[in-house]
Each structure stands twice: as C-alpha cells, then as structure tokens.
Amino acid sequence: MKFYNYTSTFYCGAVLGKINGRRLGLIPNKVIGGWGSSIENPVANFGLLSPTPDSWVHNKQFPLTWNYLVADHSGDILLEATVDPAKNRVFVGERAHLEGFRYPDQSNIPFQFLHADQRTAEQAFMRSLIPLQDYLVGENAGVTGFSLSEVISLDPIPVDQISVSQQQPLLEDALATTLPNRKELITYLTKEGPIIAELFPWRKTYEAVHGSLEDSRRRKER
C-alpha cells in the first residue's frame, strides 16, 4: 500500500540519506493536532491518498485547507511511501474535525465538524482513525464518507520504502508561475543537487512536454 507525503527539498535530502550520509527515512515528528495539542496525542507522519486528492484541492466546505496545509506549508517535493499493513501502524483519519475547529469561518461546514473546543475536535479526530487497509476496502466499496481523508503513520518508514514520485504537481505549479522567487527553484532543479538523481525521471517526462528547464529559466530571466 502507498501514501504520498510532500516535503521540502532540504528535508527530502535528509529522508533519502543525501545529507551527511544519514539515512533517516520518514520519522514521525509532528504531534497529531499540532504542538498546541490539548490532549496527549502521539507524533506521526502525515500524508495523502493521492498526489492531489480532489476532496482536498476542490473541497467547497474547506477551501483553505489544501493551500494552507499542503501547497503553502508542506514543501514542493512529493514522496511516495510504501507500507505494509501487517508491519506498519498506518491509519486514515477525518481531518475535517480539526479544520472545522481551527477555521470555522470556512463555508458550509457540516455541523459534526464544528466542535466547541480544541480538545473535542482532537478527540473526534482520534476516534475517526481506521487502518489504511480497512479504509481502502471501504473506499472501493464507496462507503468511506470522509470529507478530508488524511493518512497518519505512527511508525518510522525506512528509506528503502520511500521514493521520489514521478508525479510532482507542486513543482509543476511552481514552474508555471512567473514569480521571481520561483527562479531559485528552477535553478536548483537544473543543477547538481542532493536529490537531482531521484528527480530525473520526473524531469525527463516534464521536459518532453514543456521543453527543458534551462530554457524555461532563461525565458523567465529575460
């Protein structure tokens, strides 16, 4: 089974053992509910069931969530993590419980996600967790009913179960812009860097359609 994780270029290098030779993998490092959690939650890795899940990108009830949690704050590099449900504690939770409390001014939030306080919201999120394998069985049968499905991995994922995805939607979004701060990203991707080899399959596919990244950078700098 597989889930997707967005990260920064620096942390991606650390995950893959490209910095100081350390092979970290994905280490649970964020508290469920955030560092201001009101209950004693475990730390975890967080992920998605697809690179750009429609329920996140185009969720009319939670229009702020995709940009705030993923596009603006997670990092541009998409990783794929392969997990074994018999060995890894990986779950899917209803992120809407947390989002409904934190951003109650979003439009048309169902009443079950409008919690009175943070503790109640976090407890509801924890109760919603089901094993990834069970969630996928339910999804195939069309009976999951989650609004914002978020993958929660409580165990470290070793580096040999992680790869840089050949899909890179946030990188492609960045390359499509003309914002000055994106020039550094394009420059980074066209020179030798700590993860350039792992990005090469994606880059080759991208350039076959859009032309070389070097040409793109030169066009933007004119």
Protein backbone atom coordinates (compact mmCIF):
# COMPACT_ATOMS: atom_id res chain seq x y z
CA MET A 1 0.00 0.00 0.00
CA LYS A 2 1.15 3.52 -0.74
CA PHE A 3 0.64 7.03 0.55
CA TYR A 4 2.02 10.40 -0.51
CA ASN A 5 4.00 12.95 1.50
CA TYR A 6 5.02 16.48 0.49
CA THR A 7 8.28 17.78 1.90
CA SER A 8 10.91 20.44 1.37
CA THR A 9 13.98 19.95 -0.81
CA PHE A 10 16.22 20.03 2.27
CA TYR A 11 14.20 17.54 4.30
CA CYS A 12 13.82 15.29 1.26
CA GLY A 13 17.61 15.07 1.12
CA ALA A 14 17.69 14.09 4.78
CA VAL A 15 14.95 11.48 4.32
CA LEU A 16 16.87 9.86 1.46
CA GLY A 17 20.24 9.96 3.22
CA LYS A 18 21.73 12.63 0.96
CA ILE A 19 22.86 14.89 3.79
CA ASN A 20 25.85 13.81 5.90
CA GLY A 21 25.24 10.24 4.78
CA ARG A 22 22.37 9.78 7.25
CA ARG A 23 19.57 7.51 6.07
CA LEU A 24 16.66 8.79 8.08
CA GLY A 25 13.56 7.69 6.23
CA LEU A 26 10.30 9.29 7.34
CA ILE A 27 10.47 9.77 11.10
CA PRO A 28 7.25 10.69 12.94
CA ASN A 29 7.94 14.25 14.07
CA LYS A 30 4.64 16.15 14.34
CA VAL A 31 2.06 15.86 17.08
CA ILE A 32 -1.42 14.89 15.92
CA GLY A 33 -3.44 18.05 16.39
CA GLY A 34 -0.35 20.29 16.37
CA TRP A 35 2.17 21.24 19.05
CA GLY A 36 -0.54 23.09 20.93
CA SER A 37 -2.48 19.87 21.31
CA SER A 38 -4.87 19.83 24.26
CA ILE A 39 -4.59 16.07 24.79
CA GLU A 40 -1.63 13.70 24.85
CA ASN A 41 -1.50 12.72 21.19
CA PRO A 42 1.28 10.69 19.57
CA VAL A 43 3.68 12.04 16.96
CA ALA A 44 3.18 10.89 13.39
CA ASN A 45 3.94 11.31 9.71
CA PHE A 46 1.08 12.78 7.71
CA GLY A 47 0.19 12.05 4.12
CA LEU A 48 -2.43 11.82 1.41
CA LEU A 49 -4.00 9.02 -0.58
CA SER A 50 -3.11 10.62 -3.92
CA PRO A 51 -0.82 13.45 -5.07
CA THR A 52 -3.70 15.94 -5.44
CA PRO A 53 -6.84 14.45 -3.87
CA ASP A 54 -9.91 16.18 -5.26
CA SER A 55 -11.54 16.21 -1.82
CA TRP A 56 -8.68 18.43 -0.62
CA VAL A 57 -8.00 20.58 -3.67
CA HIS A 58 -11.65 21.35 -4.51
CA ASN A 59 -13.40 20.99 -1.18
CA LYS A 60 -16.09 23.68 -1.05
CA GLN A 61 -16.64 23.17 2.68
CA PHE A 62 -12.93 23.54 3.48
CA PRO A 63 -11.50 25.86 0.80
CA LEU A 64 -8.49 26.94 2.91
CA THR A 65 -7.14 23.52 3.81
CA TRP A 66 -5.25 22.49 0.67
CA ASN A 67 -3.32 25.74 0.29
CA TYR A 68 -2.60 26.22 3.97
CA LEU A 69 -1.56 22.67 4.91
CA VAL A 70 -0.06 21.44 1.66
CA ALA A 71 0.63 23.94 -1.12
CA ASP A 72 1.96 26.73 1.13
CA HIS A 73 3.46 24.92 4.13
CA SER A 74 4.49 21.33 3.35
CA GLY A 75 7.15 21.74 0.65
CA ASP A 76 7.23 21.16 -3.11
CA ILE A 77 8.75 17.67 -3.34
CA LEU A 78 6.35 14.72 -3.47
CA LEU A 79 7.47 11.44 -1.92
CA GLU A 80 5.80 8.05 -2.17
CA ALA A 81 5.87 5.75 0.86
CA THR A 82 5.07 2.06 0.50
CA VAL A 83 3.79 0.49 3.72
CA ASP A 84 2.88 -3.00 4.88
CA PRO A 85 -0.34 -3.05 6.95
CA ALA A 86 0.97 -6.11 8.78
CA LYS A 87 4.09 -4.25 9.96
CA ASN A 88 3.32 -0.51 9.87
CA ARG A 89 0.75 1.31 12.01
CA VAL A 90 -0.84 3.43 9.30
CA PHE A 91 -4.33 4.89 9.59
CA VAL A 92 -6.69 7.26 7.83
CA GLY A 93 -8.41 9.99 9.83
CA GLU A 94 -11.05 12.63 9.20
CA ARG A 95 -9.05 15.86 9.05
CA ALA A 96 -12.28 17.86 8.85
CA HIS A 97 -12.69 17.58 12.63
CA LEU A 98 -9.53 19.66 13.13
CA GLU A 99 -10.18 22.04 10.26
CA GLY A 100 -13.73 22.76 11.37
CA PHE A 101 -12.50 23.92 14.75
CA ARG A 102 -9.50 25.89 13.52
CA TYR A 103 -11.23 27.64 10.61
CA PRO A 104 -14.94 27.85 11.47
CA ASP A 105 -15.44 30.74 9.03
CA GLN A 106 -14.98 28.42 6.04
CA SER A 107 -18.16 27.94 4.05
CA ASN A 108 -20.87 25.34 4.65
CA ILE A 109 -19.03 23.26 7.26
CA PRO A 110 -21.23 20.33 8.34
CA PHE A 111 -22.33 20.60 11.95
CA GLN A 112 -20.47 17.41 13.00
CA PHE A 113 -17.17 19.20 12.36
CA LEU A 114 -17.98 22.39 14.29
CA HIS A 115 -16.54 21.45 17.66
CA ALA A 116 -16.80 23.70 20.69
CA ASP A 117 -13.14 23.46 21.65
CA GLN A 118 -9.79 22.04 20.54
CA ARG A 119 -9.93 19.08 22.88
CA THR A 120 -13.26 17.92 21.50
CA ALA A 121 -12.01 18.35 17.91
CA GLU A 122 -8.86 16.32 18.57
CA GLN A 123 -10.76 13.57 20.34
CA ALA A 124 -13.16 13.33 17.41
CA PHE A 125 -10.22 13.10 15.00
CA MET A 126 -8.60 10.32 17.03
CA ARG A 127 -11.88 8.38 17.15
CA SER A 128 -12.15 8.64 13.38
CA LEU A 129 -8.87 6.77 12.73
CA ILE A 130 -9.24 3.47 10.91
CA PRO A 131 -6.48 1.24 9.49
CA LEU A 132 -5.41 2.24 5.99
CA GLN A 133 -6.22 -1.22 4.68
CA ASP A 134 -9.79 -1.02 6.03
CA TYR A 135 -10.24 2.47 4.62
CA LEU A 136 -9.19 1.39 1.13
CA VAL A 137 -11.59 -1.57 1.25
CA GLY A 138 -14.39 0.81 2.21
CA GLU A 139 -13.35 3.33 -0.45
CA ASN A 140 -13.50 0.66 -3.14
CA ALA A 141 -17.00 -0.18 -1.93
CA GLY A 142 -17.94 3.51 -1.87
CA VAL A 143 -18.75 3.60 1.85
CA THR A 144 -15.97 5.69 3.47
CA GLY A 145 -17.79 9.01 3.71
CA PHE A 146 -14.72 11.05 4.75
CA SER A 147 -14.54 14.71 3.78
CA LEU A 148 -10.76 15.24 4.22
CA SER A 149 -9.02 11.86 4.35
CA GLU A 150 -5.57 12.19 5.95
CA VAL A 151 -3.04 9.38 6.28
CA ILE A 152 -1.44 9.03 9.72
CA SER A 153 1.70 6.89 10.08
CA LEU A 154 2.74 6.22 13.68
CA ASP A 155 5.82 4.18 12.77
CA PRO A 156 9.03 5.31 11.04
CA ILE A 157 9.08 4.45 7.34
CA PRO A 158 12.57 3.23 6.34
CA VAL A 159 14.32 4.80 3.39
CA ASP A 160 14.03 1.64 1.26
CA GLN A 161 10.24 2.07 1.34
CA ILE A 162 10.39 5.68 0.11
CA SER A 163 10.89 7.11 -3.35
CA VAL A 164 10.68 10.48 -5.05
CA SER A 165 7.47 10.37 -7.06
CA GLN A 166 7.47 10.65 -10.84
CA GLN A 167 4.50 12.96 -10.31
CA GLN A 168 5.42 16.42 -8.99
CA PRO A 169 2.30 18.60 -9.17
CA LEU A 170 3.53 21.36 -6.83
CA LEU A 171 6.83 21.64 -8.69
CA GLU A 172 4.94 21.92 -11.95
CA ASP A 173 2.67 24.58 -10.47
CA ALA A 174 5.77 26.48 -9.35
CA LEU A 175 7.40 26.20 -12.76
CA ALA A 176 4.23 27.53 -14.39
CA THR A 177 4.41 30.81 -12.46
CA THR A 178 6.45 33.87 -13.29
CA LEU A 179 7.02 34.94 -9.69
CA PRO A 180 10.65 35.99 -9.07
CA ASN A 181 11.07 33.71 -6.05
CA ARG A 182 10.46 30.70 -8.27
CA LYS A 183 13.64 31.33 -10.27
CA GLU A 184 15.73 29.85 -7.47
CA LEU A 185 13.67 26.66 -7.60
CA ILE A 186 14.15 26.33 -11.34
CA THR A 187 17.89 26.96 -10.98
CA TYR A 188 18.11 24.33 -8.25
CA LEU A 189 16.40 21.72 -10.40
CA THR A 190 18.71 22.32 -13.36
CA LYS A 191 21.97 21.90 -11.47
CA GLU A 192 23.53 19.16 -9.43
CA GLY A 193 21.86 18.91 -6.05
CA PRO A 194 21.29 16.40 -3.25
CA ILE A 195 18.21 14.86 -4.84
CA ILE A 196 18.73 15.58 -8.55
CA ALA A 197 19.12 11.90 -9.47
CA GLU A 198 15.81 10.97 -7.85
CA LEU A 199 14.03 13.85 -9.63
CA PHE A 200 15.44 12.95 -13.04
CA PRO A 201 12.62 10.57 -14.15
CA TRP A 202 10.03 13.26 -13.42
CA ARG A 203 12.17 15.95 -15.05
CA LYS A 204 12.59 13.88 -18.21
CA THR A 205 8.82 13.43 -18.53
CA TYR A 206 8.18 17.11 -17.80
CA GLU A 207 10.71 18.34 -20.35
CA ALA A 208 9.29 16.06 -23.03
CA VAL A 209 6.09 18.10 -22.84
CA HIS A 210 7.23 21.57 -21.76
CA GLY A 211 10.79 21.87 -23.01
CA SER A 212 13.99 21.97 -20.98
CA LEU A 213 14.07 23.56 -17.56
CA GLU A 214 17.18 25.50 -18.54
CA ASP A 215 15.31 27.10 -21.45
CA SER A 216 12.40 27.83 -19.12
CA ARG A 217 14.73 29.57 -16.67
CA ARG A 218 16.38 31.63 -19.39
CA ARG A 219 12.97 32.72 -20.73
CA LYS A 220 11.86 33.85 -17.27
CA GLU A 221 15.08 35.77 -16.61
CA ARG A 222 14.83 37.88 -19.76
